[in-house]
Amino acid sequence: MLLTTAVALPALAQDNNVTDDEVNEIARDVYCPVCESTPLDVCQTQACADWRELIRTKLAEGQSKQEIFDYFGRQYGDGVLANPPRRGISLVMLWILPVVVILLGALLFSVAMRRLSAVPASAEGTAVFTDAPAVQTKQNTPLAADDYLTRIEDELGKKDE
């Protein structure tokens, strides 16, 4: 009986060797199943307390950090992991698609800015932005900005006389 107790004591003591820091090291990379975007190490819900105890038990059993992450990913989906694995649909949705969308948005923004800043060759020398309505000659072509201003000055000069 004494020999059995001597053999069992180290195994029981090993279960208690898992510190809160070791549990929290893993828990900070697993999200709460109840609270949105809250890591287990800071969440105060009962579900998170249960999951932290599950992590403690698995560490006491000798499982590695990656094995515990794999367990949570299999049981609850990759959404509970802070760093989901880069495979399958999660590779496309979480890693490739955001980069493609950002690059495409930057390209479209760049093209739009170039089009806005470019002055068309045919509009060069014409009044593009004025408060007055466009004045056109009999030939139905816009007047140059200088011609328009000269004509206004002439009209104002006639009223003063």
N, C-alpha and C. Protein backbone atom coordinates (compact mmCIF):
# COMPACT_ATOMS: atom_id res chain seq x y z
N MET A 1 0.82 -1.19 0.00
CA MET A 1 0.00 0.00 0.00
C MET A 1 0.87 1.25 0.00
N LEU A 2 1.92 1.23 0.79
CA LEU A 2 2.83 2.36 0.85
C LEU A 2 3.51 2.58 -0.50
N LEU A 3 3.86 1.51 -1.16
CA LEU A 3 4.49 1.60 -2.47
C LEU A 3 3.52 2.20 -3.50
N THR A 4 2.26 1.84 -3.47
CA THR A 4 1.26 2.38 -4.39
C THR A 4 1.08 3.88 -4.15
N THR A 5 1.03 4.30 -2.91
CA THR A 5 0.89 5.71 -2.58
C THR A 5 2.12 6.49 -3.04
N ALA A 6 3.28 5.92 -2.88
CA ALA A 6 4.51 6.59 -3.29
C ALA A 6 4.56 6.78 -4.81
N VAL A 7 4.00 5.84 -5.55
CA VAL A 7 3.98 5.94 -7.00
C VAL A 7 2.91 6.94 -7.44
N ALA A 8 1.76 6.97 -6.78
CA ALA A 8 0.65 7.83 -7.18
C ALA A 8 0.87 9.29 -6.80
N LEU A 9 1.60 9.57 -5.75
CA LEU A 9 1.80 10.95 -5.30
C LEU A 9 2.47 11.84 -6.35
N PRO A 10 3.53 11.40 -7.01
CA PRO A 10 4.11 12.28 -8.05
C PRO A 10 3.14 12.57 -9.18
N ALA A 11 2.30 11.60 -9.53
CA ALA A 11 1.32 11.83 -10.59
C ALA A 11 0.28 12.85 -10.14
N LEU A 12 -0.17 12.79 -8.92
CA LEU A 12 -1.13 13.76 -8.40
C LEU A 12 -0.49 15.13 -8.26
N ALA A 13 0.76 15.17 -7.85
CA ALA A 13 1.45 16.45 -7.70
C ALA A 13 1.68 17.10 -9.05
N GLN A 14 1.87 16.29 -10.08
CA GLN A 14 2.10 16.83 -11.42
C GLN A 14 0.87 17.59 -11.90
N ASP A 15 -0.35 17.17 -11.55
CA ASP A 15 -1.57 17.85 -11.95
C ASP A 15 -1.61 19.26 -11.38
N ASN A 16 -1.04 19.48 -10.24
CA ASN A 16 -1.07 20.78 -9.59
C ASN A 16 0.09 21.67 -10.00
N ASN A 17 1.00 21.19 -10.81
CA ASN A 17 2.16 21.98 -11.21
C ASN A 17 1.85 22.99 -12.31
N VAL A 18 0.70 22.93 -12.90
CA VAL A 18 0.34 23.85 -13.97
C VAL A 18 -0.03 25.19 -13.34
N THR A 19 0.72 26.22 -13.70
CA THR A 19 0.49 27.54 -13.11
C THR A 19 -0.55 28.33 -13.91
N ASP A 20 -1.07 29.37 -13.29
CA ASP A 20 -2.02 30.24 -13.98
C ASP A 20 -1.36 30.92 -15.17
N ASP A 21 -0.07 31.23 -15.06
CA ASP A 21 0.63 31.86 -16.19
C ASP A 21 0.68 30.94 -17.40
N GLU A 22 0.90 29.65 -17.16
CA GLU A 22 0.93 28.70 -18.27
C GLU A 22 -0.46 28.58 -18.92
N VAL A 23 -1.49 28.56 -18.09
CA VAL A 23 -2.86 28.49 -18.61
C VAL A 23 -3.18 29.76 -19.39
N ASN A 24 -2.85 30.92 -18.82
CA ASN A 24 -3.15 32.20 -19.48
C ASN A 24 -2.36 32.41 -20.76
N GLU A 25 -1.18 31.81 -20.85
CA GLU A 25 -0.40 31.91 -22.09
C GLU A 25 -1.18 31.31 -23.26
N ILE A 26 -1.87 30.23 -22.99
CA ILE A 26 -2.70 29.61 -24.03
C ILE A 26 -4.05 30.32 -24.13
N ALA A 27 -4.62 30.69 -22.97
CA ALA A 27 -5.96 31.28 -22.94
C ALA A 27 -6.01 32.62 -23.65
N ARG A 28 -4.91 33.35 -23.72
CA ARG A 28 -4.95 34.65 -24.42
C ARG A 28 -5.08 34.49 -25.93
N ASP A 29 -4.84 33.30 -26.44
CA ASP A 29 -4.98 33.05 -27.87
C ASP A 29 -6.24 32.27 -28.23
N VAL A 30 -7.14 32.13 -27.26
CA VAL A 30 -8.43 31.48 -27.49
C VAL A 30 -9.51 32.47 -27.07
N TYR A 31 -10.53 32.64 -27.90
CA TYR A 31 -11.59 33.60 -27.61
C TYR A 31 -12.75 32.93 -26.88
N CYS A 32 -13.42 33.73 -26.08
CA CYS A 32 -14.57 33.31 -25.29
C CYS A 32 -15.69 32.84 -26.21
N PRO A 33 -16.39 31.74 -25.86
CA PRO A 33 -17.51 31.27 -26.69
C PRO A 33 -18.76 32.14 -26.52
N VAL A 34 -18.83 32.92 -25.45
CA VAL A 34 -20.01 33.73 -25.15
C VAL A 34 -19.80 35.19 -25.56
N CYS A 35 -18.70 35.77 -25.10
CA CYS A 35 -18.40 37.19 -25.38
C CYS A 35 -17.68 37.30 -26.71
N GLU A 36 -18.05 38.28 -27.49
CA GLU A 36 -17.44 38.44 -28.81
C GLU A 36 -16.07 39.09 -28.69
N SER A 37 -15.06 38.50 -29.29
CA SER A 37 -13.69 39.03 -29.38
C SER A 37 -13.06 39.30 -28.01
N THR A 38 -13.32 38.44 -27.05
CA THR A 38 -12.72 38.57 -25.73
C THR A 38 -11.88 37.32 -25.46
N PRO A 39 -10.57 37.50 -25.21
CA PRO A 39 -9.73 36.34 -24.92
C PRO A 39 -10.13 35.68 -23.59
N LEU A 40 -9.88 34.38 -23.48
CA LEU A 40 -10.23 33.65 -22.27
C LEU A 40 -9.50 34.16 -21.04
N ASP A 41 -8.30 34.67 -21.21
CA ASP A 41 -7.52 35.07 -20.03
C ASP A 41 -8.08 36.30 -19.32
N VAL A 42 -8.93 37.09 -19.96
CA VAL A 42 -9.50 38.28 -19.32
C VAL A 42 -11.01 38.20 -19.14
N CYS A 43 -11.65 37.21 -19.71
CA CYS A 43 -13.10 37.09 -19.63
C CYS A 43 -13.50 36.50 -18.28
N GLN A 44 -14.60 37.02 -17.72
CA GLN A 44 -15.03 36.60 -16.38
C GLN A 44 -16.25 35.67 -16.40
N THR A 45 -16.68 35.22 -17.59
CA THR A 45 -17.86 34.35 -17.64
C THR A 45 -17.53 32.95 -17.13
N GLN A 46 -18.57 32.22 -16.75
CA GLN A 46 -18.39 30.85 -16.26
C GLN A 46 -17.86 29.95 -17.38
N ALA A 47 -18.30 30.20 -18.62
CA ALA A 47 -17.83 29.39 -19.75
C ALA A 47 -16.32 29.52 -19.90
N CYS A 48 -15.81 30.73 -19.75
CA CYS A 48 -14.36 30.94 -19.87
C CYS A 48 -13.62 30.28 -18.71
N ALA A 49 -14.19 30.35 -17.51
CA ALA A 49 -13.56 29.68 -16.36
C ALA A 49 -13.49 28.18 -16.62
N ASP A 50 -14.56 27.62 -17.20
CA ASP A 50 -14.56 26.19 -17.52
C ASP A 50 -13.51 25.87 -18.58
N TRP A 51 -13.40 26.72 -19.59
CA TRP A 51 -12.40 26.48 -20.64
C TRP A 51 -10.98 26.61 -20.08
N ARG A 52 -10.75 27.56 -19.18
CA ARG A 52 -9.42 27.67 -18.56
C ARG A 52 -9.08 26.42 -17.76
N GLU A 53 -10.06 25.86 -17.07
CA GLU A 53 -9.83 24.60 -16.33
C GLU A 53 -9.57 23.45 -17.29
N LEU A 54 -10.24 23.46 -18.43
CA LEU A 54 -9.99 22.43 -19.45
C LEU A 54 -8.55 22.55 -19.96
N ILE A 55 -8.10 23.79 -20.17
CA ILE A 55 -6.71 24.01 -20.60
C ILE A 55 -5.76 23.51 -19.53
N ARG A 56 -6.04 23.81 -18.27
CA ARG A 56 -5.19 23.36 -17.16
C ARG A 56 -5.11 21.84 -17.14
N THR A 57 -6.26 21.17 -17.35
CA THR A 57 -6.30 19.70 -17.35
C THR A 57 -5.48 19.14 -18.50
N LYS A 58 -5.62 19.73 -19.66
CA LYS A 58 -4.89 19.24 -20.83
C LYS A 58 -3.38 19.46 -20.67
N LEU A 59 -3.00 20.60 -20.08
CA LEU A 59 -1.56 20.83 -19.81
C LEU A 59 -1.05 19.81 -18.80
N ALA A 60 -1.85 19.50 -17.79
CA ALA A 60 -1.45 18.51 -16.79
C ALA A 60 -1.31 17.13 -17.41
N GLU A 61 -2.10 16.85 -18.44
CA GLU A 61 -2.00 15.57 -19.14
C GLU A 61 -0.77 15.52 -20.04
N GLY A 62 -0.11 16.65 -20.22
CA GLY A 62 1.10 16.68 -21.02
C GLY A 62 0.91 17.12 -22.45
N GLN A 63 -0.28 17.64 -22.78
CA GLN A 63 -0.52 18.09 -24.15
C GLN A 63 0.22 19.40 -24.41
N SER A 64 0.65 19.56 -25.65
CA SER A 64 1.38 20.78 -26.03
C SER A 64 0.39 21.91 -26.34
N LYS A 65 0.92 23.09 -26.47
CA LYS A 65 0.12 24.27 -26.80
C LYS A 65 -0.62 24.06 -28.12
N GLN A 66 0.07 23.56 -29.12
CA GLN A 66 -0.54 23.34 -30.43
C GLN A 66 -1.62 22.27 -30.37
N GLU A 67 -1.41 21.22 -29.58
CA GLU A 67 -2.44 20.19 -29.45
C GLU A 67 -3.72 20.75 -28.82
N ILE A 68 -3.55 21.67 -27.86
CA ILE A 68 -4.72 22.29 -27.22
C ILE A 68 -5.44 23.20 -28.22
N PHE A 69 -4.69 23.97 -29.01
CA PHE A 69 -5.30 24.82 -30.04
C PHE A 69 -6.05 23.96 -31.05
N ASP A 70 -5.44 22.84 -31.44
CA ASP A 70 -6.09 21.94 -32.40
C ASP A 70 -7.40 21.38 -31.82
N TYR A 71 -7.38 21.06 -30.53
CA TYR A 71 -8.59 20.55 -29.87
C TYR A 71 -9.70 21.60 -29.93
N PHE A 72 -9.41 22.84 -29.53
CA PHE A 72 -10.42 23.89 -29.54
C PHE A 72 -10.90 24.18 -30.96
N GLY A 73 -10.00 24.12 -31.93
CA GLY A 73 -10.40 24.34 -33.32
C GLY A 73 -11.33 23.24 -33.82
N ARG A 74 -11.05 22.00 -33.45
CA ARG A 74 -11.91 20.87 -33.86
C ARG A 74 -13.27 20.93 -33.17
N GLN A 75 -13.26 21.21 -31.88
CA GLN A 75 -14.48 21.18 -31.09
C GLN A 75 -15.41 22.37 -31.36
N TYR A 76 -14.83 23.58 -31.48
CA TYR A 76 -15.64 24.80 -31.52
C TYR A 76 -15.46 25.61 -32.80
N GLY A 77 -14.62 25.17 -33.69
CA GLY A 77 -14.39 25.89 -34.94
C GLY A 77 -13.18 26.82 -34.81
N ASP A 78 -12.60 27.15 -35.94
CA ASP A 78 -11.40 27.99 -35.95
C ASP A 78 -11.68 29.42 -35.50
N GLY A 79 -12.95 29.81 -35.43
CA GLY A 79 -13.31 31.16 -35.00
C GLY A 79 -12.96 31.47 -33.56
N VAL A 80 -12.75 30.45 -32.74
CA VAL A 80 -12.40 30.69 -31.33
C VAL A 80 -10.90 30.91 -31.16
N LEU A 81 -10.13 30.71 -32.21
CA LEU A 81 -8.68 30.86 -32.13
C LEU A 81 -8.26 32.26 -32.58
N ALA A 82 -7.34 32.87 -31.84
CA ALA A 82 -6.85 34.20 -32.19
C ALA A 82 -6.06 34.14 -33.50
N ASN A 83 -5.34 33.07 -33.71
CA ASN A 83 -4.57 32.88 -34.94
C ASN A 83 -5.05 31.60 -35.61
N PRO A 84 -6.12 31.70 -36.41
CA PRO A 84 -6.65 30.49 -37.05
C PRO A 84 -5.63 29.89 -38.00
N PRO A 85 -5.70 28.58 -38.18
CA PRO A 85 -4.74 27.92 -39.07
C PRO A 85 -4.90 28.41 -40.50
N ARG A 86 -3.82 28.43 -41.21
CA ARG A 86 -3.81 28.91 -42.60
C ARG A 86 -3.98 27.72 -43.53
N ARG A 87 -5.23 27.27 -43.63
CA ARG A 87 -5.54 26.16 -44.52
C ARG A 87 -6.99 26.26 -44.97
N GLY A 88 -7.29 25.69 -46.11
CA GLY A 88 -8.66 25.62 -46.60
C GLY A 88 -9.31 26.98 -46.79
N ILE A 89 -10.56 27.06 -46.38
CA ILE A 89 -11.34 28.28 -46.58
C ILE A 89 -10.83 29.41 -45.69
N SER A 90 -10.30 29.08 -44.52
CA SER A 90 -9.79 30.14 -43.65
C SER A 90 -8.55 30.79 -44.26
N LEU A 91 -7.78 30.04 -45.04
CA LEU A 91 -6.63 30.62 -45.72
C LEU A 91 -7.10 31.69 -46.70
N VAL A 92 -8.13 31.39 -47.45
CA VAL A 92 -8.64 32.34 -48.44
C VAL A 92 -9.35 33.51 -47.77
N MET A 93 -10.27 33.22 -46.86
CA MET A 93 -11.12 34.25 -46.26
C MET A 93 -10.37 35.16 -45.29
N LEU A 94 -9.43 34.63 -44.56
CA LEU A 94 -8.79 35.41 -43.51
C LEU A 94 -7.41 35.94 -43.87
N TRP A 95 -6.78 35.36 -44.87
CA TRP A 95 -5.41 35.77 -45.16
C TRP A 95 -5.25 36.33 -46.57
N ILE A 96 -5.83 35.71 -47.56
CA ILE A 96 -5.63 36.14 -48.95
C ILE A 96 -6.64 37.21 -49.35
N LEU A 97 -7.93 37.00 -49.07
CA LEU A 97 -8.97 37.93 -49.50
C LEU A 97 -8.77 39.35 -48.96
N PRO A 98 -8.45 39.55 -47.69
CA PRO A 98 -8.24 40.94 -47.22
C PRO A 98 -7.10 41.64 -47.95
N VAL A 99 -6.03 40.93 -48.23
CA VAL A 99 -4.90 41.53 -48.94
C VAL A 99 -5.31 41.92 -50.36
N VAL A 100 -6.04 41.04 -51.03
CA VAL A 100 -6.49 41.32 -52.40
C VAL A 100 -7.44 42.52 -52.41
N VAL A 101 -8.36 42.58 -51.45
CA VAL A 101 -9.32 43.70 -51.39
C VAL A 101 -8.59 45.02 -51.15
N ILE A 102 -7.62 45.02 -50.25
CA ILE A 102 -6.86 46.24 -49.96
C ILE A 102 -6.08 46.69 -51.19
N LEU A 103 -5.41 45.76 -51.85
CA LEU A 103 -4.64 46.12 -53.05
C LEU A 103 -5.55 46.62 -54.18
N LEU A 104 -6.69 45.97 -54.36
CA LEU A 104 -7.64 46.39 -55.39
C LEU A 104 -8.20 47.78 -55.07
N GLY A 105 -8.51 48.03 -53.80
CA GLY A 105 -9.00 49.34 -53.39
C GLY A 105 -7.97 50.43 -53.62
N ALA A 106 -6.70 50.13 -53.30
CA ALA A 106 -5.63 51.10 -53.53
C ALA A 106 -5.46 51.39 -55.02
N LEU A 107 -5.57 50.36 -55.84
CA LEU A 107 -5.45 50.55 -57.29
C LEU A 107 -6.59 51.41 -57.82
N LEU A 108 -7.83 51.12 -57.42
CA LEU A 108 -8.97 51.91 -57.87
C LEU A 108 -8.89 53.35 -57.39
N PHE A 109 -8.45 53.55 -56.15
CA PHE A 109 -8.29 54.90 -55.62
C PHE A 109 -7.23 55.66 -56.41
N SER A 110 -6.12 55.00 -56.73
CA SER A 110 -5.05 55.62 -57.50
C SER A 110 -5.54 56.02 -58.89
N VAL A 111 -6.27 55.14 -59.55
CA VAL A 111 -6.80 55.45 -60.89
C VAL A 111 -7.78 56.61 -60.82
N ALA A 112 -8.64 56.62 -59.81
CA ALA A 112 -9.62 57.71 -59.67
C ALA A 112 -8.91 59.04 -59.42
N MET A 113 -7.89 59.05 -58.60
CA MET A 113 -7.15 60.29 -58.32
C MET A 113 -6.42 60.80 -59.57
N ARG A 114 -5.89 59.89 -60.36
CA ARG A 114 -5.21 60.30 -61.59
C ARG A 114 -6.20 60.91 -62.57
N ARG A 115 -7.39 60.33 -62.67
CA ARG A 115 -8.39 60.87 -63.59
C ARG A 115 -8.88 62.24 -63.14
N LEU A 116 -9.02 62.43 -61.84
CA LEU A 116 -9.47 63.73 -61.33
C LEU A 116 -8.43 64.82 -61.53
N SER A 117 -7.16 64.46 -61.38
CA SER A 117 -6.11 65.47 -61.48
C SER A 117 -5.67 65.73 -62.92
N ALA A 118 -5.99 64.85 -63.84
CA ALA A 118 -5.59 65.03 -65.23
C ALA A 118 -6.48 66.06 -65.91
N VAL A 119 -5.88 67.00 -66.64
CA VAL A 119 -6.61 68.02 -67.39
C VAL A 119 -6.67 67.55 -68.83
N PRO A 120 -7.86 67.39 -69.38
CA PRO A 120 -7.94 66.96 -70.78
C PRO A 120 -7.33 68.00 -71.70
N ALA A 121 -6.69 67.56 -72.76
CA ALA A 121 -6.01 68.46 -73.70
C ALA A 121 -7.02 69.38 -74.39
N SER A 122 -8.22 68.92 -74.65
CA SER A 122 -9.21 69.74 -75.35
C SER A 122 -9.76 70.83 -74.44
N ALA A 123 -9.73 70.63 -73.12
CA ALA A 123 -10.26 71.63 -72.20
C ALA A 123 -9.21 72.65 -71.80
N GLU A 124 -7.99 72.47 -72.21
CA GLU A 124 -6.92 73.39 -71.85
C GLU A 124 -7.20 74.76 -72.44
N GLY A 125 -7.14 75.79 -71.63
CA GLY A 125 -7.36 77.14 -72.10
C GLY A 125 -8.81 77.56 -72.05
N THR A 126 -9.71 76.67 -71.65
CA THR A 126 -11.12 77.05 -71.53
C THR A 126 -11.47 77.20 -70.07
N ALA A 127 -12.52 77.93 -69.84
CA ALA A 127 -12.96 78.12 -68.47
C ALA A 127 -13.74 76.88 -68.05
N VAL A 128 -13.14 76.10 -67.16
CA VAL A 128 -13.77 74.86 -66.74
C VAL A 128 -14.69 75.11 -65.56
N PHE A 129 -14.20 75.84 -64.54
CA PHE A 129 -14.98 76.09 -63.34
C PHE A 129 -15.28 77.58 -63.24
N THR A 130 -16.51 77.96 -63.48
CA THR A 130 -16.93 79.35 -63.33
C THR A 130 -18.26 79.37 -62.63
N ASP A 131 -18.57 80.51 -62.01
CA ASP A 131 -19.86 80.65 -61.36
C ASP A 131 -20.95 81.02 -62.36
N ALA A 132 -20.54 81.64 -63.45
CA ALA A 132 -21.51 82.07 -64.46
C ALA A 132 -21.80 80.93 -65.41
N PRO A 133 -22.95 80.94 -66.04
CA PRO A 133 -23.24 79.90 -67.02
C PRO A 133 -22.30 80.04 -68.21
N ALA A 134 -22.09 78.94 -68.87
CA ALA A 134 -21.17 78.95 -70.01
C ALA A 134 -21.69 79.84 -71.12
N VAL A 135 -20.80 80.70 -71.63
CA VAL A 135 -21.16 81.58 -72.74
C VAL A 135 -20.62 80.94 -74.00
N GLN A 136 -21.47 80.86 -75.00
CA GLN A 136 -21.04 80.24 -76.24
C GLN A 136 -21.21 81.23 -77.38
N THR A 137 -20.35 81.06 -78.35
CA THR A 137 -20.42 81.92 -79.53
C THR A 137 -21.46 81.36 -80.48
N LYS A 138 -21.63 82.06 -81.61
CA LYS A 138 -22.60 81.61 -82.60
C LYS A 138 -22.23 80.27 -83.19
N GLN A 139 -20.95 79.94 -83.18
CA GLN A 139 -20.53 78.65 -83.72
C GLN A 139 -20.76 77.52 -82.70
N ASN A 140 -21.31 77.86 -81.50
CA ASN A 140 -21.62 76.89 -80.47
C ASN A 140 -20.36 76.25 -79.88
N THR A 141 -19.29 77.02 -79.72
CA THR A 141 -18.08 76.54 -79.07
C THR A 141 -17.80 77.44 -77.88
N PRO A 142 -17.27 76.93 -76.78
CA PRO A 142 -17.01 77.73 -75.60
C PRO A 142 -15.94 78.79 -75.86
N LEU A 143 -16.12 79.93 -75.24
CA LEU A 143 -15.12 80.98 -75.35
C LEU A 143 -13.95 80.68 -74.43
N ALA A 144 -12.80 81.16 -74.77
CA ALA A 144 -11.64 81.03 -73.91
C ALA A 144 -11.85 81.90 -72.68
N ALA A 145 -11.18 81.61 -71.58
CA ALA A 145 -11.37 82.35 -70.34
C ALA A 145 -11.04 83.82 -70.53
N ASP A 146 -9.96 84.14 -71.26
CA ASP A 146 -9.58 85.53 -71.49
C ASP A 146 -10.64 86.25 -72.32
N ASP A 147 -11.17 85.61 -73.36
CA ASP A 147 -12.21 86.22 -74.18
C ASP A 147 -13.45 86.50 -73.36
N TYR A 148 -13.79 85.59 -72.47
CA TYR A 148 -14.97 85.75 -71.63
C TYR A 148 -14.81 86.94 -70.70
N LEU A 149 -13.65 87.05 -70.06
CA LEU A 149 -13.41 88.17 -69.15
C LEU A 149 -13.36 89.50 -69.90
N THR A 150 -12.77 89.51 -71.08
CA THR A 150 -12.72 90.72 -71.90
C THR A 150 -14.12 91.16 -72.27
N ARG A 151 -14.94 90.25 -72.62
CA ARG A 151 -16.32 90.58 -73.00
C ARG A 151 -17.10 91.14 -71.81
N ILE A 152 -16.91 90.57 -70.63
CA ILE A 152 -17.58 91.08 -69.43
C ILE A 152 -17.11 92.49 -69.11
N GLU A 153 -15.81 92.71 -69.20
CA GLU A 153 -15.28 94.05 -68.93
C GLU A 153 -15.83 95.07 -69.93
N ASP A 154 -15.94 94.68 -71.20
CA ASP A 154 -16.51 95.57 -72.21
C ASP A 154 -17.97 95.90 -71.88
N GLU A 155 -18.74 94.92 -71.48
CA GLU A 155 -20.14 95.14 -71.14
C GLU A 155 -20.28 96.05 -69.92
N LEU A 156 -19.42 95.85 -68.91
CA LEU A 156 -19.46 96.70 -67.73
C LEU A 156 -19.04 98.12 -68.07
N GLY A 157 -18.08 98.26 -68.97
CA GLY A 157 -17.63 99.57 -69.38
C GLY A 157 -18.70 100.34 -70.10
N LYS A 158 -19.56 99.67 -70.87
CA LYS A 158 -20.65 100.33 -71.58
C LYS A 158 -21.69 100.86 -70.62
N LYS A 159 -21.94 100.15 -69.50
CA LYS A 159 -22.93 100.59 -68.53
C LYS A 159 -22.47 101.83 -67.79
N ASP A 160 -21.16 101.97 -67.55
CA ASP A 160 -20.62 103.12 -66.82
C ASP A 160 -20.71 104.38 -67.66
N GLU A 161 -20.74 104.30 -68.96
CA GLU A 161 -20.74 105.47 -69.84
C GLU A 161 -22.03 106.12 -69.93
